[in-house]
Amino acid sequence: MGTPLARFSVTVDDGHLSDLDTVAQALSASGMQVDRVLGALGMITGSAPADARPSLLAVEGVTSVDEQLRFSLPPPDAPVQ
């Protein structure tokens, strides 16, 4: 069984905003499955093994790699806990 996948948001530095596609390709080569390239925000989202964060952070142009947290709420008709 492989390492579980985690969802990540990657922030790209200002100097690489014009090369977002190149950064996305480098992230993909580092093990990330790129879902979206958000040019207006300078962010790239996708999933990768949970332990891949250091290799994603090492990609040229990457400022930060943040794991996306998931929240779930019980349905409105669920009993109060």
N, C-alpha and C. Protein backbone atom coordinates (compact mmCIF):
# COMPACT_ATOMS: atom_id res chain seq x y z
N MET A 1 0.85 -1.18 0.00
CA MET A 1 0.00 0.00 0.00
C MET A 1 0.89 1.24 0.00
N GLY A 2 0.60 2.23 -0.87
CA GLY A 2 1.41 3.44 -0.98
C GLY A 2 1.06 4.46 0.09
N THR A 3 1.81 5.53 0.06
CA THR A 3 1.58 6.63 0.98
C THR A 3 0.25 7.29 0.64
N PRO A 4 -0.58 7.63 1.65
CA PRO A 4 -1.86 8.29 1.36
C PRO A 4 -1.63 9.66 0.72
N LEU A 5 -2.56 10.03 -0.14
CA LEU A 5 -2.46 11.33 -0.82
C LEU A 5 -3.04 12.43 0.05
N ALA A 6 -2.42 13.58 -0.06
CA ALA A 6 -2.91 14.78 0.63
C ALA A 6 -3.14 15.85 -0.43
N ARG A 7 -4.04 16.77 -0.15
CA ARG A 7 -4.30 17.88 -1.07
C ARG A 7 -3.45 19.07 -0.64
N PHE A 8 -2.81 19.71 -1.62
CA PHE A 8 -1.91 20.82 -1.34
C PHE A 8 -2.28 22.06 -2.15
N SER A 9 -2.01 23.22 -1.56
CA SER A 9 -2.06 24.50 -2.25
C SER A 9 -0.63 25.03 -2.27
N VAL A 10 -0.13 25.32 -3.46
CA VAL A 10 1.24 25.78 -3.63
C VAL A 10 1.20 27.24 -4.05
N THR A 11 1.95 28.09 -3.34
CA THR A 11 2.04 29.50 -3.68
C THR A 11 3.34 29.73 -4.44
N VAL A 12 3.24 30.44 -5.57
CA VAL A 12 4.39 30.71 -6.42
C VAL A 12 4.86 32.14 -6.18
N ASP A 13 6.20 32.33 -6.15
CA ASP A 13 6.72 33.68 -5.87
C ASP A 13 6.48 34.61 -7.06
N ASP A 14 6.55 35.91 -6.79
CA ASP A 14 6.24 36.93 -7.80
C ASP A 14 7.13 36.82 -9.03
N GLY A 15 8.37 36.40 -8.86
CA GLY A 15 9.30 36.30 -9.99
C GLY A 15 8.98 35.17 -10.96
N HIS A 16 8.12 34.25 -10.56
CA HIS A 16 7.78 33.11 -11.41
C HIS A 16 6.31 33.10 -11.85
N LEU A 17 5.59 34.19 -11.60
CA LEU A 17 4.18 34.23 -11.97
C LEU A 17 3.96 34.08 -13.48
N SER A 18 4.90 34.59 -14.27
CA SER A 18 4.76 34.46 -15.72
C SER A 18 5.10 33.05 -16.20
N ASP A 19 5.69 32.24 -15.34
CA ASP A 19 6.07 30.86 -15.68
C ASP A 19 5.30 29.83 -14.86
N LEU A 20 4.03 30.10 -14.57
CA LEU A 20 3.24 29.18 -13.75
C LEU A 20 3.17 27.78 -14.35
N ASP A 21 3.06 27.70 -15.67
CA ASP A 21 2.97 26.39 -16.30
C ASP A 21 4.27 25.60 -16.12
N THR A 22 5.41 26.28 -16.16
CA THR A 22 6.69 25.62 -15.94
C THR A 22 6.80 25.13 -14.51
N VAL A 23 6.36 25.93 -13.56
CA VAL A 23 6.36 25.53 -12.15
C VAL A 23 5.42 24.34 -11.95
N ALA A 24 4.26 24.37 -12.59
CA ALA A 24 3.30 23.27 -12.49
C ALA A 24 3.91 21.98 -13.05
N GLN A 25 4.65 22.07 -14.15
CA GLN A 25 5.31 20.89 -14.71
C GLN A 25 6.38 20.35 -13.76
N ALA A 26 7.12 21.25 -13.12
CA ALA A 26 8.14 20.82 -12.16
C ALA A 26 7.50 20.16 -10.94
N LEU A 27 6.37 20.69 -10.49
CA LEU A 27 5.65 20.08 -9.37
C LEU A 27 5.17 18.68 -9.76
N SER A 28 4.68 18.56 -10.98
CA SER A 28 4.22 17.27 -11.48
C SER A 28 5.38 16.27 -11.51
N ALA A 29 6.54 16.72 -11.94
CA ALA A 29 7.73 15.86 -11.98
C ALA A 29 8.18 15.47 -10.57
N SER A 30 7.79 16.28 -9.58
CA SER A 30 8.15 15.99 -8.19
C SER A 30 7.10 15.15 -7.47
N GLY A 31 6.10 14.68 -8.21
CA GLY A 31 5.12 13.77 -7.63
C GLY A 31 3.75 14.33 -7.36
N MET A 32 3.50 15.57 -7.77
CA MET A 32 2.19 16.17 -7.52
C MET A 32 1.29 15.99 -8.73
N GLN A 33 0.05 15.60 -8.49
CA GLN A 33 -0.95 15.56 -9.55
C GLN A 33 -1.62 16.93 -9.54
N VAL A 34 -1.28 17.76 -10.52
CA VAL A 34 -1.78 19.13 -10.57
C VAL A 34 -3.23 19.12 -11.03
N ASP A 35 -4.09 19.76 -10.22
CA ASP A 35 -5.50 19.87 -10.56
C ASP A 35 -5.82 21.21 -11.22
N ARG A 36 -5.32 22.28 -10.64
CA ARG A 36 -5.63 23.62 -11.14
C ARG A 36 -4.42 24.54 -11.05
N VAL A 37 -4.28 25.38 -12.06
CA VAL A 37 -3.28 26.45 -12.05
C VAL A 37 -4.08 27.74 -12.00
N LEU A 38 -3.99 28.43 -10.87
CA LEU A 38 -4.77 29.65 -10.64
C LEU A 38 -3.89 30.87 -10.87
N GLY A 39 -3.79 31.27 -12.13
CA GLY A 39 -2.88 32.34 -12.52
C GLY A 39 -3.13 33.65 -11.81
N ALA A 40 -4.39 34.04 -11.65
CA ALA A 40 -4.70 35.32 -11.01
C ALA A 40 -4.26 35.35 -9.54
N LEU A 41 -4.18 34.17 -8.93
CA LEU A 41 -3.80 34.09 -7.52
C LEU A 41 -2.34 33.69 -7.33
N GLY A 42 -1.70 33.21 -8.38
CA GLY A 42 -0.33 32.72 -8.26
C GLY A 42 -0.26 31.44 -7.44
N MET A 43 -1.28 30.59 -7.61
CA MET A 43 -1.35 29.35 -6.84
C MET A 43 -1.59 28.16 -7.76
N ILE A 44 -1.13 27.00 -7.29
CA ILE A 44 -1.35 25.74 -7.98
C ILE A 44 -1.89 24.77 -6.95
N THR A 45 -2.95 24.05 -7.28
CA THR A 45 -3.52 23.08 -6.35
C THR A 45 -3.43 21.69 -6.95
N GLY A 46 -3.39 20.71 -6.06
CA GLY A 46 -3.35 19.33 -6.50
C GLY A 46 -3.13 18.40 -5.34
N SER A 47 -2.82 17.14 -5.66
CA SER A 47 -2.60 16.15 -4.62
C SER A 47 -1.26 15.46 -4.84
N ALA A 48 -0.71 14.98 -3.74
CA ALA A 48 0.58 14.30 -3.75
C ALA A 48 0.67 13.45 -2.50
N PRO A 49 1.60 12.51 -2.45
CA PRO A 49 1.78 11.75 -1.22
C PRO A 49 2.02 12.71 -0.05
N ALA A 50 1.50 12.36 1.10
CA ALA A 50 1.58 13.24 2.27
C ALA A 50 3.01 13.62 2.63
N ASP A 51 3.97 12.72 2.34
CA ASP A 51 5.36 13.00 2.70
C ASP A 51 6.13 13.73 1.59
N ALA A 52 5.45 14.19 0.54
CA ALA A 52 6.10 14.85 -0.59
C ALA A 52 6.29 16.35 -0.39
N ARG A 53 5.80 16.89 0.71
CA ARG A 53 5.86 18.34 0.92
C ARG A 53 7.28 18.91 0.77
N PRO A 54 8.32 18.30 1.37
CA PRO A 54 9.67 18.87 1.21
C PRO A 54 10.14 18.92 -0.25
N SER A 55 9.83 17.90 -1.04
CA SER A 55 10.27 17.91 -2.44
C SER A 55 9.48 18.94 -3.26
N LEU A 56 8.22 19.17 -2.90
CA LEU A 56 7.44 20.20 -3.58
C LEU A 56 7.95 21.59 -3.23
N LEU A 57 8.32 21.77 -1.99
CA LEU A 57 8.84 23.06 -1.52
C LEU A 57 10.19 23.39 -2.17
N ALA A 58 10.92 22.36 -2.59
CA ALA A 58 12.24 22.56 -3.20
C ALA A 58 12.15 22.99 -4.67
N VAL A 59 10.97 22.95 -5.27
CA VAL A 59 10.81 23.34 -6.68
C VAL A 59 11.07 24.84 -6.81
N GLU A 60 11.86 25.21 -7.82
CA GLU A 60 12.19 26.62 -8.04
C GLU A 60 10.92 27.42 -8.31
N GLY A 61 10.78 28.52 -7.59
CA GLY A 61 9.63 29.40 -7.75
C GLY A 61 8.54 29.19 -6.71
N VAL A 62 8.66 28.12 -5.93
CA VAL A 62 7.64 27.82 -4.92
C VAL A 62 7.97 28.56 -3.63
N THR A 63 7.00 29.30 -3.12
CA THR A 63 7.17 30.04 -1.87
C THR A 63 6.67 29.23 -0.67
N SER A 64 5.51 28.58 -0.83
CA SER A 64 4.97 27.79 0.26
C SER A 64 4.14 26.64 -0.27
N VAL A 65 4.07 25.58 0.54
CA VAL A 65 3.24 24.41 0.24
C VAL A 65 2.40 24.15 1.47
N ASP A 66 1.10 24.33 1.35
CA ASP A 66 0.19 24.18 2.48
C ASP A 66 -0.79 23.06 2.22
N GLU A 67 -0.94 22.18 3.22
CA GLU A 67 -1.91 21.11 3.09
C GLU A 67 -3.31 21.69 3.26
N GLN A 68 -4.21 21.30 2.38
CA GLN A 68 -5.59 21.75 2.47
C GLN A 68 -6.30 20.90 3.52
N LEU A 69 -6.92 21.56 4.47
CA LEU A 69 -7.63 20.85 5.52
C LEU A 69 -9.07 20.60 5.09
N ARG A 70 -9.61 19.48 5.52
CA ARG A 70 -10.99 19.15 5.19
C ARG A 70 -11.83 19.23 6.46
N PHE A 71 -13.01 19.79 6.29
CA PHE A 71 -13.95 19.89 7.39
C PHE A 71 -15.25 19.24 6.96
N SER A 72 -15.92 18.65 7.90
CA SER A 72 -17.25 18.13 7.59
C SER A 72 -18.17 18.42 8.77
N LEU A 73 -19.35 18.76 8.44
CA LEU A 73 -20.36 19.05 9.46
C LEU A 73 -21.44 18.00 9.37
N PRO A 74 -22.05 17.68 10.51
CA PRO A 74 -23.16 16.74 10.45
C PRO A 74 -24.35 17.38 9.74
N PRO A 75 -25.24 16.57 9.20
CA PRO A 75 -26.41 17.14 8.53
C PRO A 75 -27.27 17.95 9.52
N PRO A 76 -28.04 18.89 9.02
CA PRO A 76 -28.84 19.75 9.90
C PRO A 76 -29.79 18.98 10.83
N ASP A 77 -30.24 17.82 10.42
CA ASP A 77 -31.17 17.07 11.25
C ASP A 77 -30.49 16.07 12.19
N ALA A 78 -29.16 16.12 12.28
CA ALA A 78 -28.44 15.21 13.18
C ALA A 78 -28.61 15.67 14.62
N PRO A 79 -28.60 14.73 15.56
CA PRO A 79 -28.75 15.12 16.97
C PRO A 79 -27.54 15.95 17.44
N VAL A 80 -27.77 16.83 18.40
CA VAL A 80 -26.72 17.66 18.96
C VAL A 80 -25.75 16.76 19.73
N GLN A 81 -24.48 17.03 19.56
CA GLN A 81 -23.49 16.18 20.23
C GLN A 81 -22.96 16.81 21.48
